[in-house]
Amino acid sequence: MRILTLNCHSWQEEKQIEKIKYLAKIIYQNNYDIIALQEVSQSINSKVLFDNIKEDNFGFILMKELEKLGETRFKFLWEFSHIGYDKYEEGISILTKHHIKEKESFYVSKSKDQSYWKTRKIIKCKIVYNNKPISVYSCHLGWWDDKEEDFKFQANKLLEHVKKDETCILMGDFNNDAFLSNEGYDYIIDKNIKDIYNLAKMKDNGVTIIGKIDGWEGNTKNMRLDLILSNKNLKVEYCKVIFNGIRGKTISDHFGVEAKIEF
């Protein structure tokens, strides 16, 4: 199983449509089974196409670009988390080629006010892969030292939905640097959660953020905020950063992370 996670920083990028087309091309070439996306936005005032999807939804446009390439197998899930940059409905998304048995979304933040930019939602689906059920989560959590929205609270809420008798894969922007000890990364790993990066036979330096970005304006370090986690010790062939200017063009203020897992 090939998987990818990316914080898209959607509609904040220059040459955004060009970057969506490039993302579609790489998804097509790399034949991913599951893709978890964060900061997947649509304009508040755009026309509704179906359900809660509007015509400029980043994920919907990505799907259309994939269809142009001949890739029509993906199912697309999107959920609205909060208003971003005062004009977008920002959300999280999952794309998968596999049959979806169940789907749900849930708040992990204390706030459920979608006009508040720190409100956080998770989207989850259960797929069937090689006759094996796997639960996949697209996650975008808050910061360790946030006084209004405590990361511990959000991590605990997330893990309440991770069932021990299921194979669960949690992908996304956890907003906590894996290189930093005794903060959010260690907190969630100490809950018997495994980092796919640590399980991988092949990996790189893992860096997904360089310098300051939105939400980390004062940052001067290289960080690993974007993670693929699991509640099981999985057999991982590789876990590598992509869209970092070395492996693929840069298309967001975050780099992506891809992995290959053997089931």
C-alpha atoms as a PDB file:
ATOM      1  CA  MET A   1       0.000   0.000   0.000  1.00  0.00           C
ATOM      2  CA  ARG A   2       1.362   3.383  -1.053  1.00  0.00           C
ATOM      3  CA  ILE A   3       0.191   6.379   0.988  1.00  0.00           C
ATOM      4  CA  LEU A   4       0.770  10.141   0.977  1.00  0.00           C
ATOM      5  CA  THR A   5       0.036  13.014   3.325  1.00  0.00           C
ATOM      6  CA  LEU A   6       0.293  16.718   2.494  1.00  0.00           C
ATOM      7  CA  ASN A   7      -0.749  20.003   4.073  1.00  0.00           C
ATOM      8  CA  CYS A   8      -1.790  21.772   0.850  1.00  0.00           C
ATOM      9  CA  HIS A   9      -1.774  25.432   2.037  1.00  0.00           C
ATOM     10  CA  SER A  10      -4.469  25.701  -0.589  1.00  0.00           C
ATOM     11  CA  TRP A  11      -5.227  28.968  -2.386  1.00  0.00           C
ATOM     12  CA  GLN A  12      -2.310  30.609  -0.547  1.00  0.00           C
ATOM     13  CA  GLU A  13       0.193  29.459  -3.156  1.00  0.00           C
ATOM     14  CA  GLU A  14       1.352  31.327  -6.239  1.00  0.00           C
ATOM     15  CA  LYS A  15       0.510  29.496  -9.481  1.00  0.00           C
ATOM     16  CA  GLN A  16      -1.981  27.391  -7.511  1.00  0.00           C
ATOM     17  CA  ILE A  17      -3.649  25.665 -10.479  1.00  0.00           C
ATOM     18  CA  GLU A  18      -0.253  24.764 -11.925  1.00  0.00           C
ATOM     19  CA  LYS A  19       0.677  23.197  -8.568  1.00  0.00           C
ATOM     20  CA  ILE A  20      -2.598  21.253  -8.398  1.00  0.00           C
ATOM     21  CA  LYS A  21      -1.868  19.846 -11.855  1.00  0.00           C
ATOM     22  CA  TYR A  22       1.635  18.862 -10.739  1.00  0.00           C
ATOM     23  CA  LEU A  23       0.265  17.185  -7.586  1.00  0.00           C
ATOM     24  CA  ALA A  24      -2.211  15.235  -9.751  1.00  0.00           C
ATOM     25  CA  LYS A  25       0.615  14.141 -12.059  1.00  0.00           C
ATOM     26  CA  ILE A  26       2.711  12.809  -9.147  1.00  0.00           C
ATOM     27  CA  ILE A  27      -0.295  11.040  -7.586  1.00  0.00           C
ATOM     28  CA  TYR A  28      -0.966   9.400 -10.946  1.00  0.00           C
ATOM     29  CA  GLN A  29       2.674   8.397 -11.481  1.00  0.00           C
ATOM     30  CA  ASN A  30       3.224   7.090  -7.946  1.00  0.00           C
ATOM     31  CA  ASN A  31      -0.019   5.127  -7.859  1.00  0.00           C
ATOM     32  CA  TYR A  32      -0.979   5.974  -4.273  1.00  0.00           C
ATOM     33  CA  ASP A  33      -3.734   3.966  -2.611  1.00  0.00           C
ATOM     34  CA  ILE A  34      -4.612   6.564   0.023  1.00  0.00           C
ATOM     35  CA  ILE A  35      -3.955  10.303   0.229  1.00  0.00           C
ATOM     36  CA  ALA A  36      -4.597  12.437   3.322  1.00  0.00           C
ATOM     37  CA  LEU A  37      -4.739  16.197   2.730  1.00  0.00           C
ATOM     38  CA  GLN A  38      -4.978  19.109   5.148  1.00  0.00           C
ATOM     39  CA  GLU A  39      -5.774  22.798   4.581  1.00  0.00           C
ATOM     40  CA  VAL A  40      -8.082  21.810   1.749  1.00  0.00           C
ATOM     41  CA  SER A  41     -10.062  24.995   1.177  1.00  0.00           C
ATOM     42  CA  GLN A  42     -12.947  26.419  -0.803  1.00  0.00           C
ATOM     43  CA  SER A  43     -14.248  29.992  -0.951  1.00  0.00           C
ATOM     44  CA  ILE A  44     -17.109  30.852   1.399  1.00  0.00           C
ATOM     45  CA  ASN A  45     -19.022  32.512  -1.441  1.00  0.00           C
ATOM     46  CA  SER A  46     -18.440  29.894  -4.145  1.00  0.00           C
ATOM     47  CA  LYS A  47     -21.270  27.945  -5.758  1.00  0.00           C
ATOM     48  CA  VAL A  48     -22.235  24.634  -4.118  1.00  0.00           C
ATOM     49  CA  LEU A  49     -21.879  21.696  -6.518  1.00  0.00           C
ATOM     50  CA  PHE A  50     -23.025  18.796  -4.317  1.00  0.00           C
ATOM     51  CA  ASP A  51     -23.227  18.000  -0.601  1.00  0.00           C
ATOM     52  CA  ASN A  52     -20.796  20.426   1.077  1.00  0.00           C
ATOM     53  CA  ILE A  53     -18.443  20.712  -1.925  1.00  0.00           C
ATOM     54  CA  LYS A  54     -18.139  24.032  -3.773  1.00  0.00           C
ATOM     55  CA  GLU A  55     -16.788  24.663  -7.259  1.00  0.00           C
ATOM     56  CA  ASP A  56     -13.338  25.870  -6.128  1.00  0.00           C
ATOM     57  CA  ASN A  57     -12.771  23.149  -3.520  1.00  0.00           C
ATOM     58  CA  PHE A  58      -9.059  22.321  -3.807  1.00  0.00           C
ATOM     59  CA  GLY A  59      -9.671  18.581  -3.485  1.00  0.00           C
ATOM     60  CA  PHE A  60     -12.470  18.572  -6.043  1.00  0.00           C
ATOM     61  CA  ILE A  61     -10.279  20.393  -8.584  1.00  0.00           C
ATOM     62  CA  LEU A  62      -7.485  17.897  -7.838  1.00  0.00           C
ATOM     63  CA  MET A  63      -9.917  15.039  -8.558  1.00  0.00           C
ATOM     64  CA  LYS A  64     -10.858  16.623 -11.891  1.00  0.00           C
ATOM     65  CA  GLU A  65      -7.171  16.880 -12.829  1.00  0.00           C
ATOM     66  CA  LEU A  66      -6.697  13.204 -11.970  1.00  0.00           C
ATOM     67  CA  GLU A  67      -9.668  12.327 -14.182  1.00  0.00           C
ATOM     68  CA  LYS A  68      -8.040  14.221 -17.065  1.00  0.00           C
ATOM     69  CA  LEU A  69      -5.031  11.918 -16.633  1.00  0.00           C
ATOM     70  CA  GLY A  70      -7.311   8.882 -16.833  1.00  0.00           C
ATOM     71  CA  GLU A  71      -7.382   8.138 -13.085  1.00  0.00           C
ATOM     72  CA  THR A  72     -11.048   7.700 -12.142  1.00  0.00           C
ATOM     73  CA  ARG A  73     -10.807   5.254  -9.235  1.00  0.00           C
ATOM     74  CA  PHE A  74     -10.478   7.730  -6.363  1.00  0.00           C
ATOM     75  CA  LYS A  75     -13.273   8.385  -3.903  1.00  0.00           C
ATOM     76  CA  PHE A  76     -13.113  11.870  -2.364  1.00  0.00           C
ATOM     77  CA  LEU A  77     -14.067  12.778   1.219  1.00  0.00           C
ATOM     78  CA  TRP A  78     -13.913  16.336   2.566  1.00  0.00           C
ATOM     79  CA  GLU A  79     -14.994  17.925   5.828  1.00  0.00           C
ATOM     80  CA  PHE A  80     -15.167  21.607   6.805  1.00  0.00           C
ATOM     81  CA  SER A  81     -13.156  22.451   9.940  1.00  0.00           C
ATOM     82  CA  HIS A  82     -13.024  26.247  10.258  1.00  0.00           C
ATOM     83  CA  ILE A  83     -12.883  29.554   8.423  1.00  0.00           C
ATOM     84  CA  GLY A  84      -9.363  30.342   7.210  1.00  0.00           C
ATOM     85  CA  TYR A  85      -7.934  33.684   6.103  1.00  0.00           C
ATOM     86  CA  ASP A  86     -11.429  35.213   6.580  1.00  0.00           C
ATOM     87  CA  LYS A  87     -12.672  34.000   3.187  1.00  0.00           C
ATOM     88  CA  TYR A  88     -12.190  30.237   2.956  1.00  0.00           C
ATOM     89  CA  GLU A  89     -13.890  27.186   4.382  1.00  0.00           C
ATOM     90  CA  GLU A  90     -10.820  25.186   5.334  1.00  0.00           C
ATOM     91  CA  GLY A  91     -11.035  21.454   5.804  1.00  0.00           C
ATOM     92  CA  ILE A  92      -9.406  18.040   5.686  1.00  0.00           C
ATOM     93  CA  SER A  93      -9.706  15.377   3.039  1.00  0.00           C
ATOM     94  CA  ILE A  94      -9.059  11.745   2.165  1.00  0.00           C
ATOM     95  CA  LEU A  95      -8.752  10.318  -1.336  1.00  0.00           C
ATOM     96  CA  THR A  96      -8.716   6.545  -1.721  1.00  0.00           C
ATOM     97  CA  LYS A  97      -8.981   4.012  -4.543  1.00  0.00           C
ATOM     98  CA  HIS A  98     -10.446   1.397  -2.214  1.00  0.00           C
ATOM     99  CA  HIS A  99     -13.974   0.591  -1.115  1.00  0.00           C
ATOM    100  CA  ILE A 100     -15.081   2.755   1.807  1.00  0.00           C
ATOM    101  CA  LYS A 101     -16.977   0.700   4.397  1.00  0.00           C
ATOM    102  CA  GLU A 102     -17.496   3.527   6.897  1.00  0.00           C
ATOM    103  CA  LYS A 103     -16.768   7.228   7.166  1.00  0.00           C
ATOM    104  CA  GLU A 104     -17.049   9.804   9.912  1.00  0.00           C
ATOM    105  CA  SER A 105     -15.722  13.147  11.072  1.00  0.00           C
ATOM    106  CA  PHE A 106     -15.355  14.455  14.598  1.00  0.00           C
ATOM    107  CA  TYR A 107     -14.060  17.440  16.529  1.00  0.00           C
ATOM    108  CA  VAL A 108     -10.869  17.124  18.540  1.00  0.00           C
ATOM    109  CA  SER A 109     -10.781  20.771  19.637  1.00  0.00           C
ATOM    110  CA  LYS A 110     -12.649  22.176  22.619  1.00  0.00           C
ATOM    111  CA  SER A 111     -14.216  24.668  20.225  1.00  0.00           C
ATOM    112  CA  LYS A 112     -16.887  23.556  17.773  1.00  0.00           C
ATOM    113  CA  ASP A 113     -17.282  27.070  16.381  1.00  0.00           C
ATOM    114  CA  GLN A 114     -16.338  26.856  12.703  1.00  0.00           C
ATOM    115  CA  SER A 115     -15.783  30.622  12.548  1.00  0.00           C
ATOM    116  CA  TYR A 116     -12.852  30.173  14.977  1.00  0.00           C
ATOM    117  CA  TRP A 117      -9.606  29.356  13.175  1.00  0.00           C
ATOM    118  CA  LYS A 118      -8.339  27.045  15.939  1.00  0.00           C
ATOM    119  CA  THR A 119     -11.338  24.697  15.677  1.00  0.00           C
ATOM    120  CA  ARG A 120     -10.065  21.292  14.580  1.00  0.00           C
ATOM    121  CA  LYS A 121     -11.848  18.351  12.979  1.00  0.00           C
ATOM    122  CA  ILE A 122     -10.603  14.917  11.899  1.00  0.00           C
ATOM    123  CA  ILE A 123     -11.930  12.914   8.971  1.00  0.00           C
ATOM    124  CA  LYS A 124     -11.799   9.114   9.129  1.00  0.00           C
ATOM    125  CA  CYS A 125     -12.733   6.298   6.794  1.00  0.00           C
ATOM    126  CA  LYS A 126     -12.517   2.530   6.976  1.00  0.00           C
ATOM    127  CA  ILE A 127     -11.390   0.908   3.760  1.00  0.00           C
ATOM    128  CA  VAL A 128     -10.831  -2.678   2.676  1.00  0.00           C
ATOM    129  CA  TYR A 129      -7.350  -3.508   1.372  1.00  0.00           C
ATOM    130  CA  ASN A 130      -6.497  -7.106   0.409  1.00  0.00           C
ATOM    131  CA  ASN A 131      -9.597  -8.175   2.354  1.00  0.00           C
ATOM    132  CA  LYS A 132      -8.246  -6.400   5.434  1.00  0.00           C
ATOM    133  CA  PRO A 133     -10.126  -3.478   7.063  1.00  0.00           C
ATOM    134  CA  ILE A 134      -7.934  -0.438   7.688  1.00  0.00           C
ATOM    135  CA  SER A 135      -9.039   2.816   9.331  1.00  0.00           C
ATOM    136  CA  VAL A 136      -7.419   5.942   7.888  1.00  0.00           C
ATOM    137  CA  TYR A 137      -7.434   9.408   9.468  1.00  0.00           C
ATOM    138  CA  SER A 138      -6.536  12.806   8.009  1.00  0.00           C
ATOM    139  CA  CYS A 139      -5.409  14.965  10.923  1.00  0.00           C
ATOM    140  CA  HIS A 140      -4.636  18.630  11.475  1.00  0.00           C
ATOM    141  CA  LEU A 141      -3.984  19.362  15.143  1.00  0.00           C
ATOM    142  CA  GLY A 142      -3.010  22.430  17.172  1.00  0.00           C
ATOM    143  CA  TRP A 143       0.128  23.491  19.006  1.00  0.00           C
ATOM    144  CA  TRP A 144       1.673  22.096  22.185  1.00  0.00           C
ATOM    145  CA  ASP A 145       1.724  25.353  24.146  1.00  0.00           C
ATOM    146  CA  ASP A 146      -1.582  26.821  22.911  1.00  0.00           C
ATOM    147  CA  LYS A 147      -3.496  28.237  25.881  1.00  0.00           C
ATOM    148  CA  GLU A 148      -6.931  28.159  24.197  1.00  0.00           C
ATOM    149  CA  GLU A 149      -6.622  24.792  22.444  1.00  0.00           C
ATOM    150  CA  ASP A 150      -4.357  22.409  24.334  1.00  0.00           C
ATOM    151  CA  PHE A 151      -2.642  19.772  22.160  1.00  0.00           C
ATOM    152  CA  LYS A 152      -2.991  17.157  24.913  1.00  0.00           C
ATOM    153  CA  PHE A 153      -6.776  17.574  24.827  1.00  0.00           C
ATOM    154  CA  GLN A 154      -6.847  17.228  21.035  1.00  0.00           C
ATOM    155  CA  ALA A 155      -4.501  14.219  20.984  1.00  0.00           C
ATOM    156  CA  ASN A 156      -6.595  12.466  23.645  1.00  0.00           C
ATOM    157  CA  LYS A 157      -9.796  13.147  21.686  1.00  0.00           C
ATOM    158  CA  LEU A 158      -8.194  11.748  18.536  1.00  0.00           C
ATOM    159  CA  LEU A 159      -6.967   8.611  20.274  1.00  0.00           C
ATOM    160  CA  GLU A 160     -10.431   7.955  21.730  1.00  0.00           C
ATOM    161  CA  HIS A 161     -11.427   7.105  18.141  1.00  0.00           C
ATOM    162  CA  VAL A 162      -8.467   4.758  17.558  1.00  0.00           C
ATOM    163  CA  LYS A 163      -9.700   1.245  18.310  1.00  0.00           C
ATOM    164  CA  LYS A 164      -7.174  -1.296  19.526  1.00  0.00           C
ATOM    165  CA  ASP A 165      -8.687  -4.135  17.502  1.00  0.00           C
ATOM    166  CA  GLU A 166      -8.346  -2.208  14.211  1.00  0.00           C
ATOM    167  CA  THR A 167      -5.327  -1.319  12.115  1.00  0.00           C
ATOM    168  CA  CYS A 168      -5.339   2.479  12.170  1.00  0.00           C
ATOM    169  CA  ILE A 169      -3.181   4.855  10.130  1.00  0.00           C
ATOM    170  CA  LEU A 170      -3.118   8.504  11.232  1.00  0.00           C
ATOM    171  CA  MET A 171      -1.696  10.947   8.686  1.00  0.00           C
ATOM    172  CA  GLY A 172      -1.300  14.675   8.649  1.00  0.00           C
ATOM    173  CA  ASP A 173       0.030  17.891  10.144  1.00  0.00           C
ATOM    174  CA  PHE A 174       0.393  17.367  13.885  1.00  0.00           C
ATOM    175  CA  ASN A 175       1.908  20.839  14.460  1.00  0.00           C
ATOM    176  CA  ASN A 176       4.454  19.352  16.879  1.00  0.00           C
ATOM    177  CA  ASP A 177       8.090  18.892  15.951  1.00  0.00           C
ATOM    178  CA  ALA A 178       9.192  15.256  16.110  1.00  0.00           C
ATOM    179  CA  PHE A 179      12.774  16.459  16.658  1.00  0.00           C
ATOM    180  CA  LEU A 180      11.746  18.131  19.934  1.00  0.00           C
ATOM    181  CA  SER A 181      11.655  16.023  23.122  1.00  0.00           C
ATOM    182  CA  ASN A 182       9.067  16.114  25.905  1.00  0.00           C
ATOM    183  CA  GLU A 183       6.363  17.908  23.936  1.00  0.00           C
ATOM    184  CA  GLY A 184       3.504  16.888  21.624  1.00  0.00           C
ATOM    185  CA  TYR A 185       5.315  14.277  19.560  1.00  0.00           C
ATOM    186  CA  ASP A 186       6.527  12.357  22.610  1.00  0.00           C
ATOM    187  CA  TYR A 187       3.108  12.772  24.216  1.00  0.00           C
ATOM    188  CA  ILE A 188       1.297  10.963  21.400  1.00  0.00           C
ATOM    189  CA  ILE A 189       4.015   8.332  20.860  1.00  0.00           C
ATOM    190  CA  ASP A 190       3.905   7.526  24.576  1.00  0.00           C
ATOM    191  CA  LYS A 191       0.252   6.522  24.076  1.00  0.00           C
ATOM    192  CA  ASN A 192       1.467   3.337  22.334  1.00  0.00           C
ATOM    193  CA  ILE A 193       1.375   4.943  18.881  1.00  0.00           C
ATOM    194  CA  LYS A 194       4.057   3.980  16.348  1.00  0.00           C
ATOM    195  CA  ASP A 195       5.793   6.367  13.950  1.00  0.00           C
ATOM    196  CA  ILE A 196       5.937   4.854  10.437  1.00  0.00           C
ATOM    197  CA  TYR A 197       9.181   6.796   9.915  1.00  0.00           C
ATOM    198  CA  ASN A 198      10.833   4.845  12.736  1.00  0.00           C
ATOM    199  CA  LEU A 199       9.534   1.526  11.394  1.00  0.00           C
ATOM    200  CA  ALA A 200      10.745   2.137   7.832  1.00  0.00           C
ATOM    201  CA  LYS A 201      13.618   0.172   6.305  1.00  0.00           C
ATOM    202  CA  MET A 202      14.497   3.185   4.149  1.00  0.00           C
ATOM    203  CA  LYS A 203      14.036   6.838   5.143  1.00  0.00           C
ATOM    204  CA  ASP A 204      15.547  10.291   4.710  1.00  0.00           C
ATOM    205  CA  ASN A 205      15.998  13.115   7.246  1.00  0.00           C
ATOM    206  CA  GLY A 206      12.227  13.506   7.629  1.00  0.00           C
ATOM    207  CA  VAL A 207      12.234  17.327   7.472  1.00  0.00           C
ATOM    208  CA  THR A 208       8.854  18.707   6.319  1.00  0.00           C
ATOM    209  CA  ILE A 209       9.242  22.381   7.335  1.00  0.00           C
ATOM    210  CA  ILE A 210      12.127  24.776   6.704  1.00  0.00           C
ATOM    211  CA  GLY A 211      12.033  28.153   8.469  1.00  0.00           C
ATOM    212  CA  LYS A 212       8.941  30.258   9.080  1.00  0.00           C
ATOM    213  CA  ILE A 213       5.527  29.373   7.655  1.00  0.00           C
ATOM    214  CA  ASP A 214       1.925  30.276   8.527  1.00  0.00           C
ATOM    215  CA  GLY A 215       1.407  29.300  12.165  1.00  0.00           C
ATOM    216  CA  TRP A 216       5.156  29.201  12.807  1.00  0.00           C
ATOM    217  CA  GLU A 217       6.097  32.788  12.027  1.00  0.00           C
ATOM    218  CA  GLY A 218       9.114  32.919  14.358  1.00  0.00           C
ATOM    219  CA  ASN A 219      10.565  29.555  13.386  1.00  0.00           C
ATOM    220  CA  THR A 220      14.201  29.327  12.248  1.00  0.00           C
ATOM    221  CA  LYS A 221      14.634  25.532  12.468  1.00  0.00           C
ATOM    222  CA  ASN A 222      14.063  22.529  10.280  1.00  0.00           C
ATOM    223  CA  MET A 223      11.102  20.612  11.702  1.00  0.00           C
ATOM    224  CA  ARG A 224       9.203  17.353  11.184  1.00  0.00           C
ATOM    225  CA  LEU A 225       5.550  18.277  11.719  1.00  0.00           C
ATOM    226  CA  ASP A 226       3.949  16.055   9.089  1.00  0.00           C
ATOM    227  CA  LEU A 227       3.699  12.454  10.215  1.00  0.00           C
ATOM    228  CA  ILE A 228       2.286   9.039   9.401  1.00  0.00           C
ATOM    229  CA  LEU A 229       1.451   7.135  12.596  1.00  0.00           C
ATOM    230  CA  SER A 230      -0.190   3.815  13.421  1.00  0.00           C
ATOM    231  CA  ASN A 231      -1.441   1.870  16.412  1.00  0.00           C
ATOM    232  CA  LYS A 232       0.266  -1.272  15.030  1.00  0.00           C
ATOM    233  CA  ASN A 233       3.844  -2.320  14.278  1.00  0.00           C
ATOM    234  CA  LEU A 234       3.550  -2.391  10.502  1.00  0.00           C
ATOM    235  CA  LYS A 235       6.039  -3.615   7.915  1.00  0.00           C
ATOM    236  CA  VAL A 236       7.217  -0.404   6.223  1.00  0.00           C
ATOM    237  CA  GLU A 237       9.441  -0.510   3.144  1.00  0.00           C
ATOM    238  CA  TYR A 238      10.109   3.240   3.072  1.00  0.00           C
ATOM    239  CA  CYS A 239       9.000   6.570   4.497  1.00  0.00           C
ATOM    240  CA  LYS A 240      10.310   9.616   2.653  1.00  0.00           C
ATOM    241  CA  VAL A 241       9.671  13.325   2.233  1.00  0.00           C
ATOM    242  CA  ILE A 242       8.345  14.490  -1.147  1.00  0.00           C
ATOM    243  CA  PHE A 243       7.579  17.909  -2.684  1.00  0.00           C
ATOM    244  CA  ASN A 244      10.641  19.379  -0.975  1.00  0.00           C
ATOM    245  CA  GLY A 245      12.568  20.637  -4.011  1.00  0.00           C
ATOM    246  CA  ILE A 246      14.782  17.537  -3.898  1.00  0.00           C
ATOM    247  CA  ARG A 247      12.202  14.808  -4.453  1.00  0.00           C
ATOM    248  CA  GLY A 248       9.600  16.680  -6.437  1.00  0.00           C
ATOM    249  CA  LYS A 249       8.872  20.384  -6.811  1.00  0.00           C
ATOM    250  CA  THR A 250       7.772  22.425  -3.785  1.00  0.00           C
ATOM    251  CA  ILE A 251       4.004  22.975  -3.961  1.00  0.00           C
ATOM    252  CA  SER A 252       3.136  24.097  -0.407  1.00  0.00           C
ATOM    253  CA  ASP A 253       4.733  25.629   2.689  1.00  0.00           C
ATOM    254  CA  HIS A 254       4.773  22.035   4.003  1.00  0.00           C
ATOM    255  CA  PHE A 255       6.525  19.148   2.302  1.00  0.00           C
ATOM    256  CA  GLY A 256       4.637  15.885   1.868  1.00  0.00           C
ATOM    257  CA  VAL A 257       5.410  12.465   3.338  1.00  0.00           C
ATOM    258  CA  GLU A 258       4.949   9.197   1.466  1.00  0.00           C
ATOM    259  CA  ALA A 259       5.314   5.604   2.627  1.00  0.00           C
ATOM    260  CA  LYS A 260       4.951   2.072   1.350  1.00  0.00           C
ATOM    261  CA  ILE A 261       3.478  -0.446   3.791  1.00  0.00           C
ATOM    262  CA  GLU A 262       3.340  -4.198   3.230  1.00  0.00           C
ATOM    263  CA  PHE A 263       0.165  -5.955   4.379  1.00  0.00           C
END
